[in-house]
């Protein structure tokens, strides 16, 4: 059975990975090649291009990291979890959201629907 928290932790770890090659490998392991998102096709080839070119950079801010809350849940083929965006060297939360994932039988992401929360 899929461990929802482990998937959530791997998801945010991929976005936090500073090494482009390791980030690409993490993305390929998480997402199904035919994955879709709220803006259309998001297979891992597309996601690799969307990840920050410079680690720790998001919306023009240096030193950003993500973490998954310890409340990930699995129901059928759906995984949900809350995430937070923080300053890299502190516990200052800049933003947060809810991730809604649909996974295949192997636990790879087929659909990714993020919801930013204020």
PDB file of N, CA and C in Angstrom:
ATOM      1  N   UNK A   1       0.842  -1.177   0.000  1.00  0.00           N
ATOM      2  CA  UNK A   1       0.000   0.000   0.000  1.00  0.00           C
ATOM      3  C   UNK A   1       0.891   1.245   0.000  1.00  0.00           C
ATOM      4  N   UNK A   2       0.474   2.241  -0.739  1.00  0.00           N
ATOM      5  CA  UNK A   2       1.204   3.499  -0.853  1.00  0.00           C
ATOM      6  C   UNK A   2       1.216   4.238   0.479  1.00  0.00           C
ATOM      7  N   UNK A   3       2.380   4.734   0.870  1.00  0.00           N
ATOM      8  CA  UNK A   3       2.516   5.562   2.058  1.00  0.00           C
ATOM      9  C   UNK A   3       2.366   7.020   1.627  1.00  0.00           C
ATOM     10  N   UNK A   4       1.221   7.630   1.975  1.00  0.00           N
ATOM     11  CA  UNK A   4       0.918   8.987   1.530  1.00  0.00           C
ATOM     12  C   UNK A   4       1.938   9.997   2.033  1.00  0.00           C
ATOM     13  N   UNK A   5       2.378   9.864   3.282  1.00  0.00           N
ATOM     14  CA  UNK A   5       3.345  10.822   3.821  1.00  0.00           C
ATOM     15  C   UNK A   5       4.690  10.705   3.120  1.00  0.00           C
ATOM     16  N   UNK A   6       5.098   9.498   2.816  1.00  0.00           N
ATOM     17  CA  UNK A   6       6.362   9.307   2.095  1.00  0.00           C
ATOM     18  C   UNK A   6       6.289   9.947   0.711  1.00  0.00           C
ATOM     19  N   UNK A   7       5.153   9.810   0.040  1.00  0.00           N
ATOM     20  CA  UNK A   7       4.979  10.444  -1.265  1.00  0.00           C
ATOM     21  C   UNK A   7       5.038  11.968  -1.132  1.00  0.00           C
ATOM     22  N   UNK A   8       4.353  12.518  -0.136  1.00  0.00           N
ATOM     23  CA  UNK A   8       4.372  13.965   0.085  1.00  0.00           C
ATOM     24  C   UNK A   8       5.792  14.457   0.363  1.00  0.00           C
ATOM     25  N   UNK A   9       6.527  13.723   1.160  1.00  0.00           N
ATOM     26  CA  UNK A   9       7.902  14.107   1.474  1.00  0.00           C
ATOM     27  C   UNK A   9       8.796  14.051   0.239  1.00  0.00           C
ATOM     28  N   UNK A  10       8.618  13.039  -0.587  1.00  0.00           N
ATOM     29  CA  UNK A  10       9.392  12.939  -1.832  1.00  0.00           C
ATOM     30  C   UNK A  10       9.019  14.058  -2.794  1.00  0.00           C
ATOM     31  N   UNK A  11       7.745  14.425  -2.821  1.00  0.00           N
ATOM     32  CA  UNK A  11       7.260  15.497  -3.687  1.00  0.00           C
ATOM     33  C   UNK A  11       7.970  16.811  -3.359  1.00  0.00           C
ATOM     34  N   UNK A  12       7.950  17.207  -2.098  1.00  0.00           N
ATOM     35  CA  UNK A  12       8.602  18.477  -1.736  1.00  0.00           C
ATOM     36  C   UNK A  12      10.118  18.368  -1.840  1.00  0.00           C
ATOM     37  N   UNK A  13      10.669  17.192  -1.591  1.00  0.00           N
ATOM     38  CA  UNK A  13      12.119  17.019  -1.726  1.00  0.00           C
ATOM     39  C   UNK A  13      12.567  17.262  -3.165  1.00  0.00           C
ATOM     40  N   UNK A  14      11.746  16.869  -4.129  1.00  0.00           N
ATOM     41  CA  UNK A  14      12.089  17.104  -5.538  1.00  0.00           C
ATOM     42  C   UNK A  14      12.197  18.596  -5.821  1.00  0.00           C
ATOM     43  N   UNK A  15      11.269  19.398  -5.267  1.00  0.00           N
ATOM     44  CA  UNK A  15      11.311  20.848  -5.489  1.00  0.00           C
ATOM     45  C   UNK A  15      12.456  21.501  -4.727  1.00  0.00           C
ATOM     46  N   UNK A  16      12.904  20.872  -3.644  1.00  0.00           N
ATOM     47  CA  UNK A  16      14.003  21.422  -2.845  1.00  0.00           C
ATOM     48  C   UNK A  16      15.380  21.004  -3.354  1.00  0.00           C
ATOM     49  N   UNK A  17      15.432  20.022  -4.230  1.00  0.00           N
ATOM     50  CA  UNK A  17      16.711  19.469  -4.689  1.00  0.00           C
ATOM     51  C   UNK A  17      17.508  20.503  -5.488  1.00  0.00           C
ATOM     52  N   UNK A  18      18.713  20.866  -5.014  1.00  0.00           N
ATOM     53  CA  UNK A  18      19.511  21.870  -5.724  1.00  0.00           C
ATOM     54  C   UNK A  18      20.220  21.348  -6.969  1.00  0.00           C
ATOM     55  N   UNK A  19      20.485  20.057  -7.027  1.00  0.00           N
ATOM     56  CA  UNK A  19      21.203  19.481  -8.163  1.00  0.00           C
ATOM     57  C   UNK A  19      20.219  19.136  -9.275  1.00  0.00           C
ATOM     58  N   UNK A  20      20.421  19.726 -10.450  1.00  0.00           N
ATOM     59  CA  UNK A  20      19.474  19.543 -11.564  1.00  0.00           C
ATOM     60  C   UNK A  20      19.318  18.075 -11.972  1.00  0.00           C
ATOM     61  N   UNK A  21      20.389  17.333 -12.024  1.00  0.00           N
ATOM     62  CA  UNK A  21      20.310  15.925 -12.432  1.00  0.00           C
ATOM     63  C   UNK A  21      19.545  15.097 -11.405  1.00  0.00           C
ATOM     64  N   UNK A  22      19.820  15.316 -10.135  1.00  0.00           N
ATOM     65  CA  UNK A  22      19.094  14.576  -9.088  1.00  0.00           C
ATOM     66  C   UNK A  22      17.633  15.008  -9.039  1.00  0.00           C
ATOM     67  N   UNK A  23      17.380  16.302  -9.276  1.00  0.00           N
ATOM     68  CA  UNK A  23      16.000  16.794  -9.304  1.00  0.00           C
ATOM     69  C   UNK A  23      15.237  16.114 -10.450  1.00  0.00           C
ATOM     70  N   UNK A  24      15.852  16.013 -11.626  1.00  0.00           N
ATOM     71  CA  UNK A  24      15.215  15.349 -12.766  1.00  0.00           C
ATOM     72  C   UNK A  24      14.925  13.885 -12.469  1.00  0.00           C
ATOM     73  N   UNK A  25      15.853  13.209 -11.816  1.00  0.00           N
ATOM     74  CA  UNK A  25      15.645  11.803 -11.451  1.00  0.00           C
ATOM     75  C   UNK A  25      14.504  11.654 -10.456  1.00  0.00           C
ATOM     76  N   UNK A  26      14.445  12.570  -9.493  1.00  0.00           N
ATOM     77  CA  UNK A  26      13.367  12.526  -8.501  1.00  0.00           C
ATOM     78  C   UNK A  26      12.013  12.748  -9.166  1.00  0.00           C
ATOM     79  N   UNK A  27      11.967  13.674 -10.094  1.00  0.00           N
ATOM     80  CA  UNK A  27      10.721  13.959 -10.814  1.00  0.00           C
ATOM     81  C   UNK A  27      10.306  12.752 -11.645  1.00  0.00           C
ATOM     82  N   UNK A  28      11.252  12.144 -12.336  1.00  0.00           N
ATOM     83  CA  UNK A  28      10.943  10.968 -13.157  1.00  0.00           C
ATOM     84  C   UNK A  28      10.429   9.815 -12.303  1.00  0.00           C
ATOM     85  N   UNK A  29      10.917   9.699 -11.071  1.00  0.00           N
ATOM     86  CA  UNK A  29      10.464   8.632 -10.181  1.00  0.00           C
ATOM     87  C   UNK A  29       9.076   8.909  -9.607  1.00  0.00           C
ATOM     88  N   UNK A  30       8.707  10.179  -9.488  1.00  0.00           N
ATOM     89  CA  UNK A  30       7.429  10.552  -8.883  1.00  0.00           C
ATOM     90  C   UNK A  30       6.265  10.583  -9.865  1.00  0.00           C
ATOM     91  N   UNK A  31       6.475  11.182 -11.022  1.00  0.00           N
ATOM     92  CA  UNK A  31       5.387  11.432 -11.964  1.00  0.00           C
ATOM     93  C   UNK A  31       5.360  10.394 -13.069  1.00  0.00           C
ATOM     94  N   UNK A  32       4.158  10.013 -13.465  1.00  0.00           N
ATOM     95  CA  UNK A  32       3.985   9.175 -14.642  1.00  0.00           C
ATOM     96  C   UNK A  32       4.288  10.026 -15.872  1.00  0.00           C
ATOM     97  N   UNK A  33       4.859   9.442 -16.916  1.00  0.00           N
ATOM     98  CA  UNK A  33       5.197  10.229 -18.113  1.00  0.00           C
ATOM     99  C   UNK A  33       4.007  10.978 -18.705  1.00  0.00           C
ATOM    100  N   UNK A  34       2.807  10.452 -18.549  1.00  0.00           N
ATOM    101  CA  UNK A  34       1.611  11.071 -19.136  1.00  0.00           C
ATOM    102  C   UNK A  34       0.838  11.925 -18.126  1.00  0.00           C
ATOM    103  N   UNK A  35       1.456  12.320 -17.032  1.00  0.00           N
ATOM    104  CA  UNK A  35       0.783  13.088 -15.979  1.00  0.00           C
ATOM    105  C   UNK A  35       0.212  14.403 -16.502  1.00  0.00           C
ATOM    106  N   UNK A  36      -0.881  14.819 -15.872  1.00  0.00           N
ATOM    107  CA  UNK A  36      -1.500  16.108 -16.205  1.00  0.00           C
ATOM    108  C   UNK A  36      -1.645  16.923 -14.929  1.00  0.00           C
ATOM    109  N   UNK A  37      -1.755  18.229 -15.122  1.00  0.00           N
ATOM    110  CA  UNK A  37      -1.954  19.128 -13.998  1.00  0.00           C
ATOM    111  C   UNK A  37      -3.056  20.097 -14.323  1.00  0.00           C
ATOM    112  N   UNK A  38      -3.219  21.078 -13.473  1.00  0.00           N
ATOM    113  CA  UNK A  38      -4.307  22.037 -13.659  1.00  0.00           C
ATOM    114  C   UNK A  38      -4.117  22.898 -14.898  1.00  0.00           C
ATOM    115  N   UNK A  39      -2.924  22.897 -15.478  1.00  0.00           N
ATOM    116  CA  UNK A  39      -2.664  23.675 -16.696  1.00  0.00           C
ATOM    117  C   UNK A  39      -2.374  22.783 -17.897  1.00  0.00           C
ATOM    118  N   UNK A  40      -2.763  21.525 -17.831  1.00  0.00           N
ATOM    119  CA  UNK A  40      -2.565  20.636 -18.961  1.00  0.00           C
ATOM    120  C   UNK A  40      -1.486  19.601 -18.717  1.00  0.00           C
ATOM    121  N   UNK A  41      -0.906  19.038 -19.786  1.00  0.00           N
ATOM    122  CA  UNK A  41       0.100  17.980 -19.647  1.00  0.00           C
ATOM    123  C   UNK A  41       1.259  18.423 -18.776  1.00  0.00           C
ATOM    124  N   UNK A  42       1.640  17.548 -17.824  1.00  0.00           N
ATOM    125  CA  UNK A  42       2.736  17.869 -16.916  1.00  0.00           C
ATOM    126  C   UNK A  42       3.583  16.640 -16.687  1.00  0.00           C
ATOM    127  N   UNK A  43       3.852  15.889 -17.738  1.00  0.00           N
ATOM    128  CA  UNK A  43       4.738  14.749 -17.596  1.00  0.00           C
ATOM    129  C   UNK A  43       6.072  15.208 -17.049  1.00  0.00           C
ATOM    130  N   UNK A  44       6.896  14.287 -16.599  1.00  0.00           N
ATOM    131  CA  UNK A  44       8.121  14.711 -15.932  1.00  0.00           C
ATOM    132  C   UNK A  44       9.068  15.489 -16.825  1.00  0.00           C
ATOM    133  N   UNK A  45       8.987  15.316 -18.133  1.00  0.00           N
ATOM    134  CA  UNK A  45       9.827  16.134 -19.022  1.00  0.00           C
ATOM    135  C   UNK A  45       9.442  17.604 -18.912  1.00  0.00           C
ATOM    136  N   UNK A  46       8.144  17.887 -18.849  1.00  0.00           N
ATOM    137  CA  UNK A  46       7.672  19.264 -18.687  1.00  0.00           C
ATOM    138  C   UNK A  46       8.023  19.778 -17.301  1.00  0.00           C
ATOM    139  N   UNK A  47       7.822  18.964 -16.271  1.00  0.00           N
ATOM    140  CA  UNK A  47       8.110  19.394 -14.905  1.00  0.00           C
ATOM    141  C   UNK A  47       9.580  19.736 -14.715  1.00  0.00           C
ATOM    142  N   UNK A  48      10.460  18.999 -15.355  1.00  0.00           N
ATOM    143  CA  UNK A  48      11.889  19.288 -15.238  1.00  0.00           C
ATOM    144  C   UNK A  48      12.183  20.699 -15.704  1.00  0.00           C
ATOM    145  N   UNK A  49      11.499  21.139 -16.746  1.00  0.00           N
ATOM    146  CA  UNK A  49      11.708  22.503 -17.239  1.00  0.00           C
ATOM    147  C   UNK A  49      11.086  23.541 -16.320  1.00  0.00           C
ATOM    148  N   UNK A  50      10.065  23.169 -15.544  1.00  0.00           N
ATOM    149  CA  UNK A  50       9.388  24.120 -14.667  1.00  0.00           C
ATOM    150  C   UNK A  50      10.082  24.309 -13.328  1.00  0.00           C
ATOM    151  N   UNK A  51      10.914  23.374 -12.944  1.00  0.00           N
ATOM    152  CA  UNK A  51      11.584  23.516 -11.655  1.00  0.00           C
ATOM    153  C   UNK A  51      12.525  24.704 -11.696  1.00  0.00           C
ATOM    154  N   UNK A  52      12.761  25.324 -10.545  1.00  0.00           N
ATOM    155  CA  UNK A  52      13.615  26.509 -10.525  1.00  0.00           C
ATOM    156  C   UNK A  52      14.985  26.225 -11.117  1.00  0.00           C
ATOM    157  N   UNK A  53      15.451  27.129 -11.953  1.00  0.00           N
ATOM    158  CA  UNK A  53      16.772  26.973 -12.554  1.00  0.00           C
ATOM    159  C   UNK A  53      17.858  27.118 -11.502  1.00  0.00           C
ATOM    160  N   UNK A  54      17.608  27.959 -10.517  1.00  0.00           N
ATOM    161  CA  UNK A  54      18.551  28.141  -9.424  1.00  0.00           C
ATOM    162  C   UNK A  54      17.905  27.616  -8.155  1.00  0.00           C
ATOM    163  N   UNK A  55      18.593  26.745  -7.432  1.00  0.00           N
ATOM    164  CA  UNK A  55      18.001  26.211  -6.211  1.00  0.00           C
ATOM    165  C   UNK A  55      17.720  27.323  -5.219  1.00  0.00           C
ATOM    166  N   UNK A  56      16.635  27.146  -4.482  1.00  0.00           N
ATOM    167  CA  UNK A  56      16.285  28.119  -3.466  1.00  0.00           C
ATOM    168  C   UNK A  56      15.730  29.410  -4.014  1.00  0.00           C
ATOM    169  N   UNK A  57      15.311  29.421  -5.260  1.00  0.00           N
ATOM    170  CA  UNK A  57      14.788  30.646  -5.863  1.00  0.00           C
ATOM    171  C   UNK A  57      13.332  30.415  -6.253  1.00  0.00           C
ATOM    172  N   UNK A  58      12.462  31.305  -5.814  1.00  0.00           N
ATOM    173  CA  UNK A  58      11.055  31.206  -6.146  1.00  0.00           C
ATOM    174  C   UNK A  58      10.482  32.609  -6.178  1.00  0.00           C
ATOM    175  N   UNK A  59       9.853  32.963  -7.267  1.00  0.00           N
ATOM    176  CA  UNK A  59       9.238  34.284  -7.424  1.00  0.00           C
ATOM    177  C   UNK A  59      10.218  35.405  -7.109  1.00  0.00           C
ATOM    178  N   UNK A  60      11.474  35.244  -7.499  1.00  0.00           N
ATOM    179  CA  UNK A  60      12.453  36.287  -7.297  1.00  0.00           C
ATOM    180  C   UNK A  60      13.051  36.329  -5.903  1.00  0.00           C
ATOM    181  N   UNK A  61      12.668  35.404  -5.039  1.00  0.00           N
ATOM    182  CA  UNK A  61      13.197  35.385  -3.673  1.00  0.00           C
ATOM    183  C   UNK A  61      14.261  34.309  -3.549  1.00  0.00           C
ATOM    184  N   UNK A  62      15.389  34.672  -2.966  1.00  0.00           N
ATOM    185  CA  UNK A  62      16.440  33.690  -2.709  1.00  0.00           C
ATOM    186  C   UNK A  62      16.149  32.969  -1.389  1.00  0.00           C
ATOM    187  N   UNK A  63      16.616  31.744  -1.268  1.00  0.00           N
ATOM    188  CA  UNK A  63      16.541  31.032  -0.005  1.00  0.00           C
ATOM    189  C   UNK A  63      15.170  30.526   0.385  1.00  0.00           C
ATOM    190  N   UNK A  64      14.473  29.925  -0.549  1.00  0.00           N
ATOM    191  CA  UNK A  64      13.147  29.369  -0.281  1.00  0.00           C
ATOM    192  C   UNK A  64      13.249  27.847  -0.229  1.00  0.00           C
ATOM    193  N   UNK A  65      12.483  27.247   0.671  1.00  0.00           N
ATOM    194  CA  UNK A  65      12.385  25.787   0.731  1.00  0.00           C
ATOM    195  C   UNK A  65      10.935  25.417   0.990  1.00  0.00           C
ATOM    196  N   UNK A  66      10.616  24.170   0.718  1.00  0.00           N
ATOM    197  CA  UNK A  66       9.262  23.659   0.918  1.00  0.00           C
ATOM    198  C   UNK A  66       9.296  22.513   1.915  1.00  0.00           C
ATOM    199  N   UNK A  67       8.176  22.325   2.608  1.00  0.00           N
ATOM    200  CA  UNK A  67       8.031  21.144   3.458  1.00  0.00           C
ATOM    201  C   UNK A  67       6.576  20.700   3.425  1.00  0.00           C
ATOM    202  N   UNK A  68       6.400  19.407   3.622  1.00  0.00           N
ATOM    203  CA  UNK A  68       5.057  18.826   3.677  1.00  0.00           C
ATOM    204  C   UNK A  68       4.647  18.698   5.134  1.00  0.00           C
ATOM    205  N   UNK A  69       3.407  19.059   5.418  1.00  0.00           N
ATOM    206  CA  UNK A  69       2.871  18.845   6.757  1.00  0.00           C
ATOM    207  C   UNK A  69       2.787  17.341   7.003  1.00  0.00           C
ATOM    208  N   UNK A  70       2.755  16.954   8.241  1.00  0.00           N
ATOM    209  CA  UNK A  70       2.756  15.531   8.608  1.00  0.00           C
ATOM    210  C   UNK A  70       1.340  14.937   8.586  1.00  0.00           C
ATOM    211  N   UNK A  71       0.483  15.439   7.726  1.00  0.00           N
ATOM    212  CA  UNK A  71      -0.917  15.006   7.707  1.00  0.00           C
ATOM    213  C   UNK A  71      -1.361  14.466   6.356  1.00  0.00           C
ATOM    214  N   UNK A  72      -0.454  13.954   5.557  1.00  0.00           N
ATOM    215  CA  UNK A  72      -0.815  13.426   4.236  1.00  0.00           C
ATOM    216  C   UNK A  72      -1.809  12.270   4.393  1.00  0.00           C
ATOM    217  N   UNK A  73      -2.739  12.218   3.447  1.00  0.00           N
ATOM    218  CA  UNK A  73      -3.791  11.195   3.492  1.00  0.00           C
ATOM    219  C   UNK A  73      -3.941  10.527   2.124  1.00  0.00           C
ATOM    220  N   UNK A  74      -4.282   9.246   2.170  1.00  0.00           N
ATOM    221  CA  UNK A  74      -4.560   8.462   0.965  1.00  0.00           C
ATOM    222  C   UNK A  74      -5.982   7.944   1.074  1.00  0.00           C
ATOM    223  N   UNK A  75      -6.736   8.121  -0.006  1.00  0.00           N
ATOM    224  CA  UNK A  75      -8.074   7.534  -0.106  1.00  0.00           C
ATOM    225  C   UNK A  75      -8.237   7.066  -1.540  1.00  0.00           C
ATOM    226  N   UNK A  76      -8.269   5.764  -1.724  1.00  0.00           N
ATOM    227  CA  UNK A  76      -8.346   5.210  -3.080  1.00  0.00           C
ATOM    228  C   UNK A  76      -7.099   5.587  -3.853  1.00  0.00           C
ATOM    229  N   UNK A  77      -7.283   6.321  -4.951  1.00  0.00           N
ATOM    230  CA  UNK A  77      -6.137   6.738  -5.760  1.00  0.00           C
ATOM    231  C   UNK A  77      -5.813   8.226  -5.585  1.00  0.00           C
ATOM    232  N   UNK A  78      -6.291   8.813  -4.474  1.00  0.00           N
ATOM    233  CA  UNK A  78      -6.077  10.237  -4.217  1.00  0.00           C
ATOM    234  C   UNK A  78      -5.194  10.423  -2.979  1.00  0.00           C
ATOM    235  N   UNK A  79      -4.189  11.275  -3.130  1.00  0.00           N
ATOM    236  CA  UNK A  79      -3.343  11.678  -2.012  1.00  0.00           C
ATOM    237  C   UNK A  79      -3.500  13.184  -1.847  1.00  0.00           C
ATOM    238  N   UNK A  80      -3.743  13.612  -0.625  1.00  0.00           N
ATOM    239  CA  UNK A  80      -3.784  15.040  -0.329  1.00  0.00           C
ATOM    240  C   UNK A  80      -2.783  15.333   0.783  1.00  0.00           C
ATOM    241  N   UNK A  81      -2.190  16.512   0.697  1.00  0.00           N
ATOM    242  CA  UNK A  81      -1.321  16.973   1.782  1.00  0.00           C
ATOM    243  C   UNK A  81      -1.177  18.480   1.718  1.00  0.00           C
ATOM    244  N   UNK A  82      -0.905  19.059   2.860  1.00  0.00           N
ATOM    245  CA  UNK A  82      -0.629  20.488   2.947  1.00  0.00           C
ATOM    246  C   UNK A  82       0.875  20.690   2.865  1.00  0.00           C
ATOM    247  N   UNK A  83       1.254  21.808   2.245  1.00  0.00           N
ATOM    248  CA  UNK A  83       2.668  22.149   2.133  1.00  0.00           C
ATOM    249  C   UNK A  83       2.862  23.593   2.576  1.00  0.00           C
ATOM    250  N   UNK A  84       4.105  23.896   2.918  1.00  0.00           N
ATOM    251  CA  UNK A  84       4.473  25.251   3.310  1.00  0.00           C
ATOM    252  C   UNK A  84       5.724  25.671   2.557  1.00  0.00           C
ATOM    253  N   UNK A  85       5.795  26.950   2.220  1.00  0.00           N
ATOM    254  CA  UNK A  85       6.986  27.540   1.635  1.00  0.00           C
ATOM    255  C   UNK A  85       7.611  28.403   2.729  1.00  0.00           C
ATOM    256  N   UNK A  86       8.879  28.151   3.019  1.00  0.00           N
ATOM    257  CA  UNK A  86       9.560  28.834   4.119  1.00  0.00           C
ATOM    258  C   UNK A  86      10.850  29.488   3.658  1.00  0.00           C
ATOM    259  N   UNK A  87      11.317  30.431   4.452  1.00  0.00           N
ATOM    260  CA  UNK A  87      12.670  30.935   4.249  1.00  0.00           C
ATOM    261  C   UNK A  87      13.609  29.787   4.551  1.00  0.00           C
ATOM    262  N   UNK A  88      14.659  29.649   3.769  1.00  0.00           N
ATOM    263  CA  UNK A  88      15.533  28.475   3.838  1.00  0.00           C
ATOM    264  C   UNK A  88      16.117  28.219   5.218  1.00  0.00           C
ATOM    265  N   UNK A  89      16.547  29.250   5.898  1.00  0.00           N
ATOM    266  CA  UNK A  89      17.239  29.058   7.174  1.00  0.00           C
ATOM    267  C   UNK A  89      16.399  29.434   8.388  1.00  0.00           C
ATOM    268  N   UNK A  90      15.067  29.363   8.260  1.00  0.00           N
ATOM    269  CA  UNK A  90      14.223  29.716   9.390  1.00  0.00           C
ATOM    270  C   UNK A  90      12.924  28.922   9.329  1.00  0.00           C
ATOM    271  N   UNK A  91      12.084  29.171  10.285  1.00  0.00           N
ATOM    272  CA  UNK A  91      10.762  28.552  10.324  1.00  0.00           C
ATOM    273  C   UNK A  91       9.690  29.556   9.885  1.00  0.00           C
ATOM    274  N   UNK A  92      10.105  30.642   9.250  1.00  0.00           N
ATOM    275  CA  UNK A  92       9.176  31.656   8.785  1.00  0.00           C
ATOM    276  C   UNK A  92       8.415  31.138   7.569  1.00  0.00           C
ATOM    277  N   UNK A  93       7.104  30.962   7.725  1.00  0.00           N
ATOM    278  CA  UNK A  93       6.253  30.462   6.640  1.00  0.00           C
ATOM    279  C   UNK A  93       5.813  31.641   5.777  1.00  0.00           C
ATOM    280  N   UNK A  94       6.139  31.574   4.494  1.00  0.00           N
ATOM    281  CA  UNK A  94       5.780  32.624   3.544  1.00  0.00           C
ATOM    282  C   UNK A  94       4.452  32.352   2.847  1.00  0.00           C
ATOM    283  N   UNK A  95       4.137  31.094   2.645  1.00  0.00           N
ATOM    284  CA  UNK A  95       2.912  30.710   1.954  1.00  0.00           C
ATOM    285  C   UNK A  95       2.636  29.241   2.249  1.00  0.00           C
ATOM    286  N   UNK A  96       1.450  28.815   1.896  1.00  0.00           N
ATOM    287  CA  UNK A  96       1.092  27.418   2.092  1.00  0.00           C
ATOM    288  C   UNK A  96       0.043  27.007   1.085  1.00  0.00           C
ATOM    289  N   UNK A  97      -0.221  25.723   1.048  1.00  0.00           N
ATOM    290  CA  UNK A  97      -1.218  25.251   0.110  1.00  0.00           C
ATOM    291  C   UNK A  97      -1.612  23.811   0.373  1.00  0.00           C
ATOM    292  N   UNK A  98      -2.497  23.353  -0.465  1.00  0.00           N
ATOM    293  CA  UNK A  98      -2.979  21.982  -0.421  1.00  0.00           C
ATOM    294  C   UNK A  98      -2.681  21.346  -1.766  1.00  0.00           C
ATOM    295  N   UNK A  99      -2.108  20.174  -1.738  1.00  0.00           N
ATOM    296  CA  UNK A  99      -1.814  19.429  -2.962  1.00  0.00           C
ATOM    297  C   UNK A  99      -2.812  18.285  -3.059  1.00  0.00           C
ATOM    298  N   UNK A 100      -3.405  18.117  -4.242  1.00  0.00           N
ATOM    299  CA  UNK A 100      -4.369  17.063  -4.522  1.00  0.00           C
ATOM    300  C   UNK A 100      -3.785  16.260  -5.670  1.00  0.00           C
ATOM    301  N   UNK A 101      -3.382  15.026  -5.399  1.00  0.00           N
ATOM    302  CA  UNK A 101      -2.729  14.177  -6.394  1.00  0.00           C
ATOM    303  C   UNK A 101      -3.591  12.947  -6.677  1.00  0.00           C
ATOM    304  N   UNK A 102      -3.624  12.550  -7.923  1.00  0.00           N
ATOM    305  CA  UNK A 102      -4.198  11.260  -8.304  1.00  0.00           C
ATOM    306  C   UNK A 102      -3.029  10.404  -8.736  1.00  0.00           C
ATOM    307  N   UNK A 103      -2.959   9.202  -8.186  1.00  0.00           N
ATOM    308  CA  UNK A 103      -1.824   8.325  -8.447  1.00  0.00           C
ATOM    309  C   UNK A 103      -2.269   7.056  -9.164  1.00  0.00           C
ATOM    310  N   UNK A 104      -1.313   6.456  -9.874  1.00  0.00           N
ATOM    311  CA  UNK A 104      -1.600   5.194 -10.557  1.00  0.00           C
ATOM    312  C   UNK A 104      -1.373   4.025  -9.601  1.00  0.00           C
ATOM    313  N   UNK A 105      -1.515   2.808 -10.112  1.00  0.00           N
ATOM    314  CA  UNK A 105      -1.357   1.619  -9.276  1.00  0.00           C
ATOM    315  C   UNK A 105       0.055   1.455  -8.728  1.00  0.00           C
ATOM    316  N   UNK A 106       1.032   2.103  -9.356  1.00  0.00           N
ATOM    317  CA  UNK A 106       2.414   2.042  -8.883  1.00  0.00           C
ATOM    318  C   UNK A 106       2.767   3.206  -7.958  1.00  0.00           C
ATOM    319  N   UNK A 107       1.786   4.071  -7.662  1.00  0.00           N
ATOM    320  CA  UNK A 107       2.024   5.200  -6.781  1.00  0.00           C
ATOM    321  C   UNK A 107       2.659   6.402  -7.455  1.00  0.00           C
ATOM    322  N   UNK A 108       2.667   6.408  -8.796  1.00  0.00           N
ATOM    323  CA  UNK A 108       3.210   7.552  -9.537  1.00  0.00           C
ATOM    324  C   UNK A 108       2.093   8.545  -9.827  1.00  0.00           C
ATOM    325  N   UNK A 109       2.438   9.816  -9.832  1.00  0.00           N
ATOM    326  CA  UNK A 109       1.466  10.876  -9.979  1.00  0.00           C
ATOM    327  C   UNK A 109       0.926  10.930 -11.417  1.00  0.00           C
ATOM    328  N   UNK A 110      -0.400  10.824 -11.534  1.00  0.00           N
ATOM    329  CA  UNK A 110      -1.078  10.955 -12.820  1.00  0.00           C
ATOM    330  C   UNK A 110      -1.642  12.356 -13.001  1.00  0.00           C
ATOM    331  N   UNK A 111      -2.109  12.950 -11.910  1.00  0.00           N
ATOM    332  CA  UNK A 111      -2.671  14.300 -11.963  1.00  0.00           C
ATOM    333  C   UNK A 111      -2.257  15.046 -10.699  1.00  0.00           C
ATOM    334  N   UNK A 112      -1.918  16.306 -10.883  1.00  0.00           N
ATOM    335  CA  UNK A 112      -1.396  17.152  -9.814  1.00  0.00           C
ATOM    336  C   UNK A 112      -2.196  18.456  -9.812  1.00  0.00           C
ATOM    337  N   UNK A 113      -2.909  18.707  -8.737  1.00  0.00           N
ATOM    338  CA  UNK A 113      -3.738  19.909  -8.638  1.00  0.00           C
ATOM    339  C   UNK A 113      -3.383  20.659  -7.357  1.00  0.00           C
ATOM    340  N   UNK A 114      -2.544  21.692  -7.461  1.00  0.00           N
ATOM    341  CA  UNK A 114      -2.173  22.476  -6.272  1.00  0.00           C
ATOM    342  C   UNK A 114      -3.175  23.582  -5.990  1.00  0.00           C
ATOM    343  N   UNK A 115      -3.393  23.853  -4.716  1.00  0.00           N
ATOM    344  CA  UNK A 115      -4.239  24.950  -4.283  1.00  0.00           C
ATOM    345  C   UNK A 115      -3.427  25.799  -3.309  1.00  0.00           C
ATOM    346  N   UNK A 116      -3.111  27.017  -3.701  1.00  0.00           N
ATOM    347  CA  UNK A 116      -2.402  27.927  -2.799  1.00  0.00           C
ATOM    348  C   UNK A 116      -3.400  28.481  -1.797  1.00  0.00           C
ATOM    349  N   UNK A 117      -2.994  28.544  -0.543  1.00  0.00           N
ATOM    350  CA  UNK A 117      -3.840  29.074   0.508  1.00  0.00           C
ATOM    351  C   UNK A 117      -3.212  30.352   1.039  1.00  0.00           C
ATOM    352  N   UNK A 118      -4.031  31.300   1.350  1.00  0.00           N
ATOM    353  CA  UNK A 118      -3.533  32.568   1.873  1.00  0.00           C
ATOM    354  C   UNK A 118      -3.213  32.463   3.331  1.00  0.00           C
TER     355      UNK A 118
END
